[in-house]
Structures are given as structure tokens and as C-alpha cells.
Amino acid sequence: QRLKVLVEASVERLVFDDAKRCIGVEISLKNDGAKRDGKRRRIFYRSEKEVILSAGTFYTPKILMVSGIGERTELLRLGIPPVVHSPEVGRNLHDHVGMSIVVGTNVQCPEGYHENGKGGHTILGNTDQFIGQLYAFLNSSSDELGAKGPLDAEIMMLEGCFAGHLSIVFTVMLLQGHTRGRIVVQSRNPSTQPHVDYKPLSDARDINLLANVTARLF
């Protein structure tokens, strides 16, 4: 009875009072009932205690910036009145960068295995049909056997079928990547999607780590 879930609703911005205290949220809600003109209603919900913002990796910083929390110069450029100057909002975006290598074999694919439903096969395989698989974690930044160091990468070895034969897919995933991107708000309009400036492999250290792991594999 204390929880109300809204569907077809989008958070547009946080609302602050003169003391810069968040007092609620403004949302847009799809019209229902007799009004079916495609437009959305804008509603303000006032908070009695606090507001918890949890909109994911991309939309949490986007909502914060549209609401006036971010790098002051960028907010002013978009015509957004700054509430709090916080230049780190939307920055430090990173993920597990990786790459996959497909290796073919001369072993015939078992009949009915790893089919893609379109008359062919999938090189990534179907998990419920795996004959074997391997997961490993390693330190690739040291060339000394047995040397202690950070876990740099994960290796996944999965089977599939390619050209009628079993294939092996080696996926190398960096666990401690150095590449950093950012979320860029492109408009003060809350309905405008943010730009994800991911910058994959823009840090040479990530390329070197991937090369080191690949060299150990082959």
C-alpha cells in the first residue's frame, strides 16, 4: 500500500528549492483514457523525506546534469541553470573491454548441436549443449612465471560450430581497464538521448594488455 509503480513514465528532472535541497521529481506520463493525442502529461511529485535516483549507468548522470548538477560551463552552454558545480558527473565511464578470436577445427559438429534456428549454426554456441568450456583469470602484466600481481584479464573458451565443424571462441576480457569515457548531455530537453562517448581502447595500456594475453594464448 505504500508503493506506487508508474508505467509509461519517464523521469525528466530533479527539483530543488532555494536552499538547493532536492524536494521532488518531475516526470512525464503517457496520456491514457479519453486523451489519446500522443502527448505526455508532466507531473511533479514532492518528496516528504528524500529522493533516491537510480537510473543506471547512462541515465543517472544524464538526469543529474539536466537537473543542474554537473560541470558548470557545460550546463550554461546548454541553457541549464547550475544548481551544484560537480564536474565529475558523467565522467569516469569504463567497462570490461575485450576481444574474441574464433579458431576452427576439423572435428565435425554433432548433429543438432549449436543450431541458430535459421538452418545454420552459431559460433558462440548454445549453453545447454556445451561439451566443454573454460574460464581462467590471470595476471598478464608480468613476464615472470608465478609472479604475483593484479588480475588483469579473464579468458573464456566457449565452443560453437562454424562451417559444419566445431569451433572454439577465445574471449579475452580486461578486468582492470584504463580507458575512460563519459556521458555527454546534448540538450536541456529531458527527452533527448545522451551521447555515450565511450572511447574504447583509447588508452595504450589496454591494447598492450590484450596483446600480452593473446600472445600467451597462441
Protein backbone atom coordinates (compact mmCIF):
# COMPACT_ATOMS: atom_id res chain seq x y z
CA GLN A 1 0.00 0.00 0.00
CA ARG A 2 3.00 2.32 0.42
CA LEU A 3 4.47 1.58 -3.03
CA LYS A 4 3.14 3.05 -6.25
CA VAL A 5 4.61 1.90 -9.54
CA LEU A 6 4.07 4.03 -12.65
CA VAL A 7 4.34 2.60 -16.15
CA GLU A 8 4.86 4.60 -19.36
CA ALA A 9 6.54 7.21 -17.14
CA SER A 10 9.90 8.94 -17.56
CA VAL A 11 11.82 10.97 -15.01
CA GLU A 12 12.64 14.35 -16.54
CA ARG A 13 14.50 16.17 -13.79
CA LEU A 14 15.04 16.58 -10.09
CA VAL A 15 13.51 19.67 -8.49
CA PHE A 16 15.38 21.77 -5.91
CA ASP A 17 14.31 24.51 -3.52
CA ASP A 18 16.18 27.77 -2.92
CA ALA A 19 18.46 26.02 -0.43
CA LYS A 20 19.50 23.54 -3.17
CA ARG A 21 17.70 20.72 -1.41
CA CYS A 22 16.04 18.16 -3.65
CA ILE A 23 12.33 18.31 -2.90
CA GLY A 24 10.93 16.04 -5.60
CA VAL A 25 10.96 14.87 -9.21
CA GLU A 26 9.27 15.96 -12.38
CA ILE A 27 8.09 13.16 -14.65
CA SER A 28 6.31 12.85 -17.96
CA LEU A 29 3.48 10.36 -18.18
CA LYS A 30 1.81 8.91 -21.24
CA ASN A 31 -1.78 10.09 -21.63
CA ASP A 32 -4.43 7.47 -21.01
CA GLY A 33 -8.20 7.27 -21.01
CA ALA A 34 -10.01 9.54 -23.44
CA LYS A 35 -6.91 11.63 -24.26
CA ARG A 36 -5.02 9.68 -26.91
CA ASP A 37 -3.30 12.51 -28.74
CA GLY A 38 0.22 11.10 -28.32
CA LYS A 39 1.23 13.85 -25.93
CA ARG A 40 2.58 13.28 -22.45
CA ARG A 41 1.49 14.83 -19.19
CA ARG A 42 4.05 16.44 -16.92
CA ILE A 43 3.61 15.77 -13.21
CA PHE A 44 5.58 16.95 -10.17
CA TYR A 45 5.91 14.59 -7.21
CA ARG A 46 7.02 16.24 -3.97
CA SER A 47 9.12 14.22 -1.58
CA GLU A 48 8.30 14.12 2.11
CA LYS A 49 11.76 12.89 3.13
CA GLU A 50 14.28 12.10 0.41
CA VAL A 51 14.70 11.30 -3.28
CA ILE A 52 16.64 8.22 -4.42
CA LEU A 53 17.89 8.41 -8.00
CA SER A 54 18.78 5.04 -9.54
CA ALA A 55 18.52 5.20 -13.32
CA GLY A 56 21.52 3.15 -14.42
CA THR A 57 24.95 3.95 -15.78
CA PHE A 58 23.79 6.20 -18.61
CA TYR A 59 20.64 7.86 -17.32
CA THR A 60 21.62 8.63 -13.74
CA PRO A 61 24.26 11.20 -14.79
CA LYS A 62 22.00 12.41 -17.61
CA ILE A 63 19.17 13.21 -15.17
CA LEU A 64 21.61 14.85 -12.75
CA MET A 65 23.01 17.12 -15.46
CA VAL A 66 19.62 18.05 -16.92
CA SER A 67 18.64 18.92 -13.34
CA GLY A 68 21.61 21.27 -12.92
CA ILE A 69 24.21 19.06 -11.26
CA GLY A 70 27.37 18.83 -13.36
CA GLU A 71 30.17 20.85 -14.90
CA ARG A 72 29.05 24.48 -14.70
CA THR A 73 30.36 25.60 -18.10
CA GLU A 74 28.69 22.73 -19.94
CA LEU A 75 25.40 23.32 -18.14
CA LEU A 76 25.40 27.01 -19.05
CA ARG A 77 26.22 26.18 -22.67
CA LEU A 78 23.03 24.10 -22.83
CA GLY A 79 20.96 26.73 -21.04
CA ILE A 80 20.61 24.65 -17.87
CA PRO A 81 20.73 26.72 -14.65
CA PRO A 82 23.54 25.24 -12.50
CA VAL A 83 22.50 24.04 -9.06
CA VAL A 84 25.71 22.31 -8.00
CA HIS A 85 29.06 22.50 -9.78
CA SER A 86 30.17 18.87 -9.91
CA PRO A 87 32.48 18.30 -12.90
CA GLU A 88 32.88 14.55 -12.31
CA VAL A 89 29.23 13.80 -13.08
CA GLY A 90 29.09 11.80 -16.32
CA ARG A 91 32.81 11.12 -16.36
CA ASN A 92 34.97 8.09 -15.48
CA LEU A 93 32.82 5.79 -17.65
CA HIS A 94 34.51 2.42 -18.06
CA ASP A 95 33.67 -1.18 -18.77
CA HIS A 96 35.36 -4.52 -19.34
CA VAL A 97 36.93 -4.08 -22.77
CA GLY A 98 37.56 -7.32 -24.63
CA MET A 99 38.02 -9.13 -27.91
CA SER A 100 37.15 -12.55 -29.32
CA ILE A 101 39.16 -14.88 -31.54
CA VAL A 102 37.48 -17.74 -33.43
CA VAL A 103 39.56 -20.87 -34.02
CA GLY A 104 38.30 -23.58 -36.37
CA THR A 105 38.82 -27.33 -36.00
CA ASN A 106 38.49 -30.36 -38.27
CA VAL A 107 36.01 -32.04 -35.91
CA GLN A 108 32.54 -32.41 -37.34
CA CYS A 109 29.81 -30.64 -35.40
CA PRO A 110 27.48 -33.19 -33.75
CA GLU A 111 24.12 -33.34 -35.50
CA GLY A 112 21.63 -30.90 -33.97
CA TYR A 113 24.27 -29.05 -31.94
CA HIS A 114 24.61 -25.28 -31.80
CA GLU A 115 21.93 -24.51 -34.36
CA ASN A 116 20.76 -20.92 -34.68
CA GLY A 117 17.15 -21.67 -35.63
CA LYS A 118 17.66 -20.41 -39.19
CA GLY A 119 19.12 -23.55 -40.71
CA GLY A 120 22.68 -22.68 -39.75
CA HIS A 121 24.96 -22.76 -36.74
CA THR A 122 26.28 -20.25 -34.21
CA ILE A 123 29.96 -19.84 -33.40
CA LEU A 124 29.07 -18.75 -29.86
CA GLY A 125 27.21 -21.99 -29.22
CA ASN A 126 24.16 -22.80 -27.13
CA THR A 127 24.99 -23.01 -23.44
CA ASP A 128 22.81 -26.08 -22.85
CA GLN A 129 24.78 -28.03 -25.49
CA PHE A 130 28.35 -27.25 -24.43
CA ILE A 131 30.63 -30.28 -24.44
CA GLY A 132 33.31 -28.28 -22.66
CA GLN A 133 34.17 -24.74 -21.61
CA LEU A 134 36.94 -22.97 -19.74
CA TYR A 135 37.22 -19.81 -17.67
CA ALA A 136 40.56 -18.51 -16.42
CA PHE A 137 41.80 -15.40 -14.61
CA LEU A 138 45.39 -14.29 -14.96
CA ASN A 139 48.00 -11.62 -14.48
CA SER A 140 49.45 -10.65 -17.86
CA SER A 141 51.47 -7.60 -16.88
CA SER A 142 54.42 -9.64 -15.59
CA ASP A 143 56.58 -11.97 -17.71
CA GLU A 144 57.92 -13.79 -14.68
CA LEU A 145 56.35 -17.21 -14.14
CA GLY A 146 54.43 -17.34 -10.86
CA ALA A 147 54.87 -13.63 -10.20
CA LYS A 148 52.21 -12.09 -8.02
CA GLY A 149 50.25 -9.20 -9.43
CA PRO A 150 46.77 -7.88 -10.16
CA LEU A 151 44.26 -9.99 -12.03
CA ASP A 152 44.44 -8.24 -15.37
CA ALA A 153 42.22 -10.37 -17.56
CA GLU A 154 39.65 -13.12 -17.85
CA ILE A 155 39.79 -15.72 -20.62
CA MET A 156 36.65 -17.55 -21.68
CA MET A 157 36.87 -20.52 -24.03
CA LEU A 158 33.50 -21.49 -25.49
CA GLU A 159 32.59 -23.88 -28.27
CA GLY A 160 30.35 -23.45 -31.24
CA CYS A 161 30.01 -24.57 -34.84
CA PHE A 162 31.44 -22.91 -37.93
CA ALA A 163 31.13 -24.27 -41.48
CA GLY A 164 29.92 -27.63 -40.13
CA HIS A 165 32.86 -28.09 -37.76
CA LEU A 166 33.35 -27.42 -34.08
CA SER A 167 34.87 -24.03 -33.40
CA ILE A 168 36.45 -22.56 -30.30
CA VAL A 169 35.92 -18.93 -29.34
CA PHE A 170 38.57 -17.40 -27.10
CA THR A 171 37.30 -14.20 -25.48
CA VAL A 172 39.79 -12.02 -23.63
CA MET A 173 38.23 -9.56 -21.19
CA LEU A 174 40.17 -6.90 -19.31
CA LEU A 175 39.21 -6.73 -15.63
CA GLN A 176 41.04 -3.52 -14.75
CA GLY A 177 40.80 -1.44 -17.92
CA HIS A 178 42.35 2.03 -18.03
CA THR A 179 40.17 3.51 -20.79
CA ARG A 180 37.80 6.20 -19.52
CA GLY A 181 34.86 7.74 -21.35
CA ARG A 182 31.98 9.99 -20.46
CA ILE A 183 28.26 10.62 -20.79
CA VAL A 184 27.51 13.83 -22.71
CA VAL A 185 24.16 15.61 -22.39
CA GLN A 186 23.27 17.13 -25.77
CA SER A 187 20.25 19.24 -24.86
CA ARG A 188 18.33 20.67 -21.93
CA ASN A 189 15.33 18.76 -23.29
CA PRO A 190 14.90 15.72 -21.00
CA SER A 191 13.66 13.56 -23.89
CA THR A 192 16.92 13.97 -25.84
CA GLN A 193 19.10 10.88 -25.53
CA PRO A 194 22.59 11.37 -24.07
CA HIS A 195 25.69 10.71 -26.14
CA VAL A 196 27.89 7.89 -24.86
CA ASP A 197 31.49 8.88 -25.55
CA TYR A 198 32.96 5.51 -24.67
CA LYS A 199 36.45 5.87 -26.27
CA PRO A 200 37.18 2.14 -26.45
CA LEU A 201 40.88 1.21 -26.24
CA SER A 202 41.91 4.87 -26.22
CA ASP A 203 44.45 4.06 -23.51
CA ALA A 204 47.53 2.27 -24.90
CA ARG A 205 47.87 0.23 -21.70
CA ASP A 206 44.67 -1.65 -22.54
CA ILE A 207 45.95 -2.51 -26.01
CA ASN A 208 49.22 -3.79 -24.54
CA LEU A 209 47.38 -5.97 -22.01
CA LEU A 210 45.18 -7.50 -24.71
CA ALA A 211 48.28 -8.17 -26.81
CA ASN A 212 50.05 -9.81 -23.87
CA VAL A 213 47.14 -12.14 -23.12
CA THR A 214 46.68 -13.05 -26.79
CA ALA A 215 50.40 -13.84 -27.07
CA ARG A 216 50.13 -16.22 -24.13
CA LEU A 217 47.19 -17.97 -25.74
CA PHE A 218 48.83 -18.59 -29.09
